[in-house]
Amino acid sequence: MNLTSIQSVTQATWPWRDPIEASLTTVAPGGHKRRAVIQAVILAAVATLMTIVWHKIWLGLAIYSLSAVVIVSGFLIPALFRALEWAGQWLGRMAGIGLTWLMLIPFFYLCFAPARMILALMGKDPMHRHFEPKRNSYWVDHKPPAAPQPYTRQY
């Protein structure tokens, strides 16, 4: 299998390596109108939640305004709608990167690494990762259930 066929299969199935440009260039004719309606409805629902439930009137009005811009640009100004989608995708990507680097990595080093050190100091290895060269097999013996019901209930 050559590189060109791998790239074409990858782009046809899930273009995750370049999501912003791929999603904006592979739009069916009239597809932006449907997406505009969906986005406007979701924005209006969020604005209603902000206004009625949490009593954030100015924030709700701002989101209602954004909803109106999305629906108008989706039907009348496709270039503006594409720019708004690109900005939203960029903002989502930056939020994901920020959450990963600013929260998940410190959480790992502040929680999991010390917990592993404590277990190592206590001599515990719950995953049984230590090497035992004299063992014939690392297979863990498992007693089968008395009744076959656990095999029929998969989830």
N, C-alpha and C. Protein backbone atom coordinates (compact mmCIF):
# COMPACT_ATOMS: atom_id res chain seq x y z
N MET A 1 0.86 -1.17 0.00
CA MET A 1 0.00 0.00 0.00
C MET A 1 0.91 1.23 0.00
N ASN A 2 0.71 2.12 -0.96
CA ASN A 2 1.58 3.27 -1.04
C ASN A 2 1.04 4.44 -0.22
N LEU A 3 1.84 5.49 -0.09
CA LEU A 3 1.50 6.63 0.76
C LEU A 3 0.29 7.39 0.25
N THR A 4 0.11 7.48 -1.06
CA THR A 4 -1.03 8.21 -1.63
C THR A 4 -2.34 7.54 -1.27
N SER A 5 -2.40 6.22 -1.35
CA SER A 5 -3.63 5.53 -1.02
C SER A 5 -3.93 5.61 0.48
N ILE A 6 -2.90 5.58 1.32
CA ILE A 6 -3.11 5.73 2.75
C ILE A 6 -3.66 7.12 3.05
N GLN A 7 -3.10 8.15 2.42
CA GLN A 7 -3.57 9.51 2.66
C GLN A 7 -5.01 9.68 2.19
N SER A 8 -5.36 9.08 1.04
CA SER A 8 -6.73 9.24 0.55
C SER A 8 -7.72 8.52 1.45
N VAL A 9 -7.34 7.35 1.97
CA VAL A 9 -8.23 6.63 2.89
C VAL A 9 -8.38 7.41 4.18
N THR A 10 -7.29 7.94 4.69
CA THR A 10 -7.33 8.72 5.92
C THR A 10 -8.20 9.95 5.76
N GLN A 11 -8.06 10.67 4.67
CA GLN A 11 -8.85 11.87 4.46
C GLN A 11 -10.32 11.54 4.24
N ALA A 12 -10.61 10.39 3.65
CA ALA A 12 -12.01 10.01 3.42
C ALA A 12 -12.69 9.56 4.70
N THR A 13 -11.93 8.91 5.59
CA THR A 13 -12.56 8.38 6.79
C THR A 13 -12.66 9.42 7.91
N TRP A 14 -11.54 10.04 8.25
CA TRP A 14 -11.56 10.99 9.35
C TRP A 14 -10.36 11.92 9.24
N PRO A 15 -10.53 13.11 8.71
CA PRO A 15 -9.39 14.02 8.54
C PRO A 15 -9.03 14.75 9.83
N TRP A 16 -8.61 14.02 10.85
CA TRP A 16 -8.36 14.62 12.16
C TRP A 16 -7.06 15.40 12.20
N ARG A 17 -6.14 15.13 11.28
CA ARG A 17 -4.87 15.84 11.33
C ARG A 17 -5.01 17.31 10.96
N ASP A 18 -5.99 17.64 10.15
CA ASP A 18 -6.19 19.01 9.72
C ASP A 18 -7.68 19.32 9.73
N PRO A 19 -8.31 19.33 10.92
CA PRO A 19 -9.76 19.39 10.99
C PRO A 19 -10.38 20.70 10.52
N ILE A 20 -9.70 21.82 10.72
CA ILE A 20 -10.31 23.10 10.38
C ILE A 20 -10.46 23.23 8.86
N GLU A 21 -9.38 23.05 8.13
CA GLU A 21 -9.45 23.22 6.68
C GLU A 21 -10.28 22.12 6.02
N ALA A 22 -10.16 20.89 6.53
CA ALA A 22 -10.89 19.77 5.93
C ALA A 22 -12.39 19.95 6.08
N SER A 23 -12.83 20.38 7.24
CA SER A 23 -14.27 20.50 7.44
C SER A 23 -14.86 21.69 6.69
N LEU A 24 -14.03 22.69 6.41
CA LEU A 24 -14.55 23.85 5.69
C LEU A 24 -14.53 23.67 4.18
N THR A 25 -13.70 22.78 3.68
CA THR A 25 -13.62 22.60 2.23
C THR A 25 -14.50 21.46 1.73
N THR A 26 -14.91 20.54 2.61
CA THR A 26 -15.71 19.40 2.17
C THR A 26 -17.17 19.58 2.56
N VAL A 27 -17.75 20.70 2.19
CA VAL A 27 -19.13 21.01 2.53
C VAL A 27 -20.02 20.75 1.32
N ALA A 28 -21.10 20.03 1.55
CA ALA A 28 -22.05 19.78 0.48
C ALA A 28 -22.78 21.08 0.15
N PRO A 29 -23.24 21.25 -1.09
CA PRO A 29 -23.96 22.47 -1.44
C PRO A 29 -25.20 22.63 -0.55
N GLY A 30 -25.33 23.80 0.03
CA GLY A 30 -26.47 24.06 0.92
C GLY A 30 -26.29 23.51 2.31
N GLY A 31 -25.19 22.83 2.59
CA GLY A 31 -24.96 22.24 3.90
C GLY A 31 -24.73 23.28 4.97
N HIS A 32 -24.23 24.45 4.56
CA HIS A 32 -23.97 25.48 5.56
C HIS A 32 -25.27 26.04 6.13
N LYS A 33 -26.35 25.99 5.37
CA LYS A 33 -27.63 26.48 5.88
C LYS A 33 -28.15 25.58 7.00
N ARG A 34 -28.01 24.29 6.81
CA ARG A 34 -28.45 23.33 7.83
C ARG A 34 -27.62 23.50 9.09
N ARG A 35 -26.30 23.64 8.93
CA ARG A 35 -25.43 23.83 10.08
C ARG A 35 -25.73 25.15 10.78
N ALA A 36 -26.07 26.17 10.00
CA ALA A 36 -26.40 27.47 10.59
C ALA A 36 -27.65 27.37 11.46
N VAL A 37 -28.64 26.65 10.98
CA VAL A 37 -29.88 26.48 11.75
C VAL A 37 -29.59 25.72 13.04
N ILE A 38 -28.83 24.64 12.95
CA ILE A 38 -28.50 23.85 14.13
C ILE A 38 -27.73 24.68 15.14
N GLN A 39 -26.74 25.42 14.66
CA GLN A 39 -25.94 26.23 15.57
C GLN A 39 -26.76 27.35 16.20
N ALA A 40 -27.65 27.97 15.41
CA ALA A 40 -28.48 29.05 15.94
C ALA A 40 -29.45 28.52 17.00
N VAL A 41 -30.00 27.35 16.78
CA VAL A 41 -30.92 26.77 17.76
C VAL A 41 -30.18 26.45 19.06
N ILE A 42 -29.00 25.88 18.96
CA ILE A 42 -28.22 25.57 20.16
C ILE A 42 -27.82 26.84 20.89
N LEU A 43 -27.39 27.86 20.14
CA LEU A 43 -27.05 29.13 20.77
C LEU A 43 -28.25 29.77 21.46
N ALA A 44 -29.41 29.69 20.83
CA ALA A 44 -30.62 30.25 21.44
C ALA A 44 -31.00 29.48 22.71
N ALA A 45 -30.81 28.17 22.71
CA ALA A 45 -31.10 27.38 23.91
C ALA A 45 -30.15 27.75 25.04
N VAL A 46 -28.88 27.92 24.72
CA VAL A 46 -27.91 28.32 25.75
C VAL A 46 -28.24 29.72 26.26
N ALA A 47 -28.61 30.62 25.35
CA ALA A 47 -28.97 31.98 25.76
C ALA A 47 -30.21 31.97 26.67
N THR A 48 -31.18 31.14 26.34
CA THR A 48 -32.37 31.02 27.17
C THR A 48 -32.01 30.49 28.56
N LEU A 49 -31.14 29.50 28.60
CA LEU A 49 -30.68 28.95 29.88
C LEU A 49 -29.97 30.03 30.70
N MET A 50 -29.10 30.80 30.05
CA MET A 50 -28.39 31.87 30.75
C MET A 50 -29.35 32.92 31.28
N THR A 51 -30.35 33.27 30.48
CA THR A 51 -31.25 34.36 30.85
C THR A 51 -32.25 33.93 31.92
N ILE A 52 -32.90 32.80 31.71
CA ILE A 52 -33.99 32.42 32.60
C ILE A 52 -33.50 31.70 33.85
N VAL A 53 -32.63 30.73 33.69
CA VAL A 53 -32.22 29.91 34.83
C VAL A 53 -31.17 30.62 35.70
N TRP A 54 -30.13 31.16 35.05
CA TRP A 54 -29.03 31.74 35.81
C TRP A 54 -29.12 33.26 35.93
N HIS A 55 -30.14 33.87 35.35
CA HIS A 55 -30.40 35.31 35.45
C HIS A 55 -29.23 36.17 34.99
N LYS A 56 -28.52 35.75 33.97
CA LYS A 56 -27.43 36.52 33.37
C LYS A 56 -27.97 37.15 32.09
N ILE A 57 -28.68 38.25 32.25
CA ILE A 57 -29.42 38.84 31.13
C ILE A 57 -28.49 39.34 30.05
N TRP A 58 -27.42 40.06 30.42
CA TRP A 58 -26.53 40.61 29.40
C TRP A 58 -25.81 39.49 28.64
N LEU A 59 -25.40 38.46 29.32
CA LEU A 59 -24.76 37.34 28.65
C LEU A 59 -25.75 36.63 27.73
N GLY A 60 -26.98 36.46 28.20
CA GLY A 60 -28.01 35.86 27.35
C GLY A 60 -28.28 36.68 26.11
N LEU A 61 -28.35 38.00 26.26
CA LEU A 61 -28.57 38.87 25.09
C LEU A 61 -27.40 38.80 24.12
N ALA A 62 -26.19 38.72 24.64
CA ALA A 62 -25.02 38.60 23.76
C ALA A 62 -25.07 37.29 22.97
N ILE A 63 -25.47 36.21 23.63
CA ILE A 63 -25.55 34.92 22.93
C ILE A 63 -26.71 34.92 21.94
N TYR A 64 -27.84 35.56 22.29
CA TYR A 64 -28.93 35.70 21.32
C TYR A 64 -28.46 36.47 20.09
N SER A 65 -27.67 37.52 20.31
CA SER A 65 -27.14 38.30 19.18
C SER A 65 -26.23 37.45 18.31
N LEU A 66 -25.38 36.66 18.93
CA LEU A 66 -24.50 35.77 18.17
C LEU A 66 -25.33 34.75 17.39
N SER A 67 -26.41 34.27 17.98
CA SER A 67 -27.30 33.35 17.29
C SER A 67 -27.91 34.00 16.05
N ALA A 68 -28.30 35.26 16.18
CA ALA A 68 -28.86 35.98 15.03
C ALA A 68 -27.81 36.17 13.94
N VAL A 69 -26.58 36.49 14.33
CA VAL A 69 -25.50 36.65 13.34
C VAL A 69 -25.24 35.34 12.63
N VAL A 70 -25.26 34.24 13.36
CA VAL A 70 -25.01 32.92 12.75
C VAL A 70 -26.10 32.58 11.75
N ILE A 71 -27.36 32.77 12.10
CA ILE A 71 -28.45 32.39 11.19
C ILE A 71 -28.48 33.29 9.96
N VAL A 72 -28.24 34.59 10.15
CA VAL A 72 -28.24 35.51 9.00
C VAL A 72 -27.06 35.23 8.09
N SER A 73 -25.88 35.02 8.68
CA SER A 73 -24.71 34.75 7.84
C SER A 73 -24.82 33.39 7.17
N GLY A 74 -25.44 32.43 7.82
CA GLY A 74 -25.59 31.11 7.21
C GLY A 74 -26.48 31.13 5.98
N PHE A 75 -27.48 32.00 5.98
CA PHE A 75 -28.39 32.06 4.84
C PHE A 75 -28.01 33.13 3.82
N LEU A 76 -27.43 34.23 4.27
CA LEU A 76 -27.20 35.34 3.35
C LEU A 76 -25.74 35.62 3.04
N ILE A 77 -24.82 35.32 3.96
CA ILE A 77 -23.40 35.65 3.77
C ILE A 77 -22.56 34.41 4.07
N PRO A 78 -22.46 33.46 3.14
CA PRO A 78 -21.73 32.22 3.42
C PRO A 78 -20.26 32.44 3.78
N ALA A 79 -19.62 33.46 3.22
CA ALA A 79 -18.22 33.71 3.54
C ALA A 79 -18.06 34.08 5.03
N LEU A 80 -18.96 34.90 5.54
CA LEU A 80 -18.92 35.26 6.95
C LEU A 80 -19.21 34.04 7.82
N PHE A 81 -20.14 33.19 7.39
CA PHE A 81 -20.45 31.98 8.15
C PHE A 81 -19.24 31.06 8.22
N ARG A 82 -18.53 30.90 7.09
CA ARG A 82 -17.32 30.07 7.09
C ARG A 82 -16.26 30.66 8.01
N ALA A 83 -16.15 32.01 8.02
CA ALA A 83 -15.17 32.65 8.90
C ALA A 83 -15.55 32.44 10.36
N LEU A 84 -16.84 32.52 10.67
CA LEU A 84 -17.29 32.26 12.04
C LEU A 84 -17.02 30.82 12.44
N GLU A 85 -17.26 29.89 11.53
CA GLU A 85 -16.98 28.48 11.84
C GLU A 85 -15.49 28.26 12.05
N TRP A 86 -14.68 28.88 11.20
CA TRP A 86 -13.24 28.74 11.35
C TRP A 86 -12.80 29.29 12.70
N ALA A 87 -13.33 30.44 13.09
CA ALA A 87 -12.97 31.05 14.38
C ALA A 87 -13.43 30.16 15.54
N GLY A 88 -14.60 29.58 15.43
CA GLY A 88 -15.08 28.69 16.47
C GLY A 88 -14.25 27.43 16.58
N GLN A 89 -13.85 26.86 15.45
CA GLN A 89 -13.02 25.67 15.48
C GLN A 89 -11.63 26.00 16.04
N TRP A 90 -11.10 27.15 15.68
CA TRP A 90 -9.80 27.56 16.20
C TRP A 90 -9.88 27.75 17.71
N LEU A 91 -10.95 28.41 18.17
CA LEU A 91 -11.14 28.64 19.59
C LEU A 91 -11.28 27.31 20.35
N GLY A 92 -12.02 26.37 19.79
CA GLY A 92 -12.16 25.05 20.41
C GLY A 92 -10.84 24.31 20.47
N ARG A 93 -10.06 24.41 19.40
CA ARG A 93 -8.76 23.75 19.39
C ARG A 93 -7.83 24.35 20.44
N MET A 94 -7.83 25.68 20.56
CA MET A 94 -7.00 26.34 21.57
C MET A 94 -7.46 25.99 22.99
N ALA A 95 -8.76 25.90 23.19
CA ALA A 95 -9.28 25.50 24.50
C ALA A 95 -8.84 24.08 24.84
N GLY A 96 -8.89 23.19 23.86
CA GLY A 96 -8.44 21.81 24.08
C GLY A 96 -6.97 21.73 24.41
N ILE A 97 -6.16 22.48 23.68
CA ILE A 97 -4.72 22.49 23.96
C ILE A 97 -4.46 23.08 25.33
N GLY A 98 -5.16 24.17 25.65
CA GLY A 98 -4.97 24.79 26.95
C GLY A 98 -5.37 23.87 28.09
N LEU A 99 -6.51 23.20 27.95
CA LEU A 99 -6.93 22.28 29.00
C LEU A 99 -5.94 21.14 29.17
N THR A 100 -5.42 20.65 28.06
CA THR A 100 -4.47 19.55 28.13
C THR A 100 -3.20 19.97 28.84
N TRP A 101 -2.60 21.07 28.41
CA TRP A 101 -1.32 21.46 28.97
C TRP A 101 -1.43 22.15 30.31
N LEU A 102 -2.51 22.87 30.57
CA LEU A 102 -2.61 23.62 31.81
C LEU A 102 -3.29 22.86 32.94
N MET A 103 -4.07 21.84 32.60
CA MET A 103 -4.78 21.12 33.66
C MET A 103 -4.43 19.64 33.74
N LEU A 104 -4.46 18.94 32.63
CA LEU A 104 -4.29 17.49 32.69
C LEU A 104 -2.87 17.07 33.03
N ILE A 105 -1.89 17.73 32.46
CA ILE A 105 -0.51 17.34 32.74
C ILE A 105 -0.14 17.64 34.19
N PRO A 106 -0.43 18.85 34.71
CA PRO A 106 -0.15 19.05 36.14
C PRO A 106 -0.94 18.09 37.04
N PHE A 107 -2.19 17.79 36.67
CA PHE A 107 -2.98 16.84 37.46
C PHE A 107 -2.29 15.48 37.51
N PHE A 108 -1.77 15.03 36.39
CA PHE A 108 -1.07 13.75 36.36
C PHE A 108 0.13 13.77 37.30
N TYR A 109 0.96 14.82 37.19
CA TYR A 109 2.17 14.86 38.00
C TYR A 109 1.90 15.18 39.46
N LEU A 110 0.77 15.80 39.77
CA LEU A 110 0.45 16.09 41.17
C LEU A 110 -0.33 14.96 41.84
N CYS A 111 -1.00 14.12 41.06
CA CYS A 111 -1.83 13.06 41.66
C CYS A 111 -1.29 11.66 41.40
N PHE A 112 -1.14 11.29 40.14
CA PHE A 112 -0.77 9.92 39.82
C PHE A 112 0.69 9.60 40.13
N ALA A 113 1.59 10.51 39.84
CA ALA A 113 3.01 10.25 40.10
C ALA A 113 3.28 10.09 41.60
N PRO A 114 2.78 10.99 42.47
CA PRO A 114 3.00 10.74 43.91
C PRO A 114 2.33 9.47 44.41
N ALA A 115 1.15 9.16 43.89
CA ALA A 115 0.48 7.92 44.31
C ALA A 115 1.32 6.71 43.93
N ARG A 116 1.90 6.72 42.75
CA ARG A 116 2.75 5.61 42.34
C ARG A 116 4.00 5.52 43.21
N MET A 117 4.56 6.67 43.59
CA MET A 117 5.74 6.66 44.46
C MET A 117 5.39 6.09 45.84
N ILE A 118 4.24 6.48 46.36
CA ILE A 118 3.81 5.95 47.66
C ILE A 118 3.62 4.45 47.59
N LEU A 119 2.98 3.96 46.52
CA LEU A 119 2.80 2.51 46.37
C LEU A 119 4.14 1.80 46.23
N ALA A 120 5.08 2.42 45.51
CA ALA A 120 6.40 1.80 45.35
C ALA A 120 7.14 1.75 46.68
N LEU A 121 7.03 2.83 47.48
CA LEU A 121 7.69 2.84 48.79
C LEU A 121 7.08 1.81 49.73
N MET A 122 5.80 1.55 49.58
CA MET A 122 5.12 0.55 50.41
C MET A 122 5.33 -0.86 49.89
N GLY A 123 5.94 -0.99 48.71
CA GLY A 123 6.18 -2.31 48.14
C GLY A 123 4.95 -2.92 47.48
N LYS A 124 3.97 -2.09 47.15
CA LYS A 124 2.74 -2.59 46.51
C LYS A 124 2.87 -2.45 45.00
N ASP A 125 2.34 -3.44 44.30
CA ASP A 125 2.30 -3.42 42.84
C ASP A 125 0.96 -3.99 42.41
N PRO A 126 -0.12 -3.18 42.46
CA PRO A 126 -1.45 -3.72 42.17
C PRO A 126 -1.61 -4.24 40.73
N MET A 127 -0.76 -3.80 39.84
CA MET A 127 -0.87 -4.27 38.45
C MET A 127 0.05 -5.47 38.19
N HIS A 128 0.77 -5.89 39.20
CA HIS A 128 1.67 -7.06 39.09
C HIS A 128 2.63 -6.89 37.93
N ARG A 129 3.39 -5.79 37.95
CA ARG A 129 4.30 -5.50 36.85
C ARG A 129 5.72 -5.96 37.10
N HIS A 130 6.01 -6.49 38.27
CA HIS A 130 7.38 -6.88 38.56
C HIS A 130 7.75 -8.15 37.77
N PHE A 131 9.02 -8.24 37.45
CA PHE A 131 9.52 -9.35 36.65
C PHE A 131 9.93 -10.48 37.58
N GLU A 132 9.41 -11.67 37.29
CA GLU A 132 9.76 -12.87 38.05
C GLU A 132 10.32 -13.90 37.07
N PRO A 133 11.62 -13.99 36.96
CA PRO A 133 12.22 -14.86 35.94
C PRO A 133 11.96 -16.35 36.18
N LYS A 134 11.64 -16.77 37.40
CA LYS A 134 11.46 -18.20 37.67
C LYS A 134 10.05 -18.68 37.37
N ARG A 135 9.14 -17.77 37.08
CA ARG A 135 7.76 -18.19 36.79
C ARG A 135 7.67 -18.76 35.38
N ASN A 136 6.89 -19.80 35.23
CA ASN A 136 6.67 -20.39 33.91
C ASN A 136 5.74 -19.54 33.07
N SER A 137 4.76 -18.93 33.72
CA SER A 137 3.77 -18.14 33.00
C SER A 137 3.30 -17.00 33.88
N TYR A 138 2.95 -15.90 33.26
CA TYR A 138 2.40 -14.76 34.00
C TYR A 138 0.88 -14.76 33.94
N TRP A 139 0.31 -15.82 33.49
CA TRP A 139 -1.14 -15.93 33.40
C TRP A 139 -1.72 -15.98 34.81
N VAL A 140 -2.76 -15.21 35.06
CA VAL A 140 -3.41 -15.19 36.36
C VAL A 140 -4.55 -16.20 36.32
N ASP A 141 -4.51 -17.15 37.23
CA ASP A 141 -5.56 -18.16 37.26
C ASP A 141 -6.88 -17.51 37.62
N HIS A 142 -7.92 -17.94 36.94
CA HIS A 142 -9.25 -17.37 37.12
C HIS A 142 -10.23 -18.50 37.32
N LYS A 143 -10.98 -18.41 38.41
CA LYS A 143 -11.99 -19.43 38.67
C LYS A 143 -13.23 -19.10 37.84
N PRO A 144 -13.72 -20.03 37.03
CA PRO A 144 -14.90 -19.74 36.22
C PRO A 144 -16.13 -19.55 37.09
N PRO A 145 -17.10 -18.76 36.64
CA PRO A 145 -18.31 -18.55 37.43
C PRO A 145 -19.11 -19.85 37.53
N ALA A 146 -19.89 -19.95 38.60
CA ALA A 146 -20.69 -21.16 38.83
C ALA A 146 -21.83 -21.28 37.83
N ALA A 147 -22.38 -20.15 37.41
CA ALA A 147 -23.50 -20.15 36.46
C ALA A 147 -23.08 -19.40 35.20
N PRO A 148 -23.69 -19.72 34.04
CA PRO A 148 -23.28 -19.06 32.79
C PRO A 148 -23.89 -17.66 32.58
N GLN A 149 -24.67 -17.13 33.53
CA GLN A 149 -25.32 -15.83 33.34
C GLN A 149 -24.33 -14.68 33.11
N PRO A 150 -23.18 -14.63 33.76
CA PRO A 150 -22.27 -13.52 33.47
C PRO A 150 -21.80 -13.47 32.02
N TYR A 151 -21.79 -14.62 31.34
CA TYR A 151 -21.38 -14.63 29.94
C TYR A 151 -22.48 -14.11 29.01
N THR A 152 -23.72 -14.20 29.43
CA THR A 152 -24.81 -13.74 28.57
C THR A 152 -25.10 -12.26 28.76
N ARG A 153 -24.65 -11.67 29.86
CA ARG A 153 -24.87 -10.25 30.14
C ARG A 153 -23.54 -9.53 29.89
N GLN A 154 -23.35 -9.01 28.66
CA GLN A 154 -22.06 -8.45 28.30
C GLN A 154 -21.85 -7.05 28.85
N TYR A 155 -22.92 -6.29 29.04
CA TYR A 155 -22.74 -4.91 29.48
C TYR A 155 -23.53 -4.64 30.72
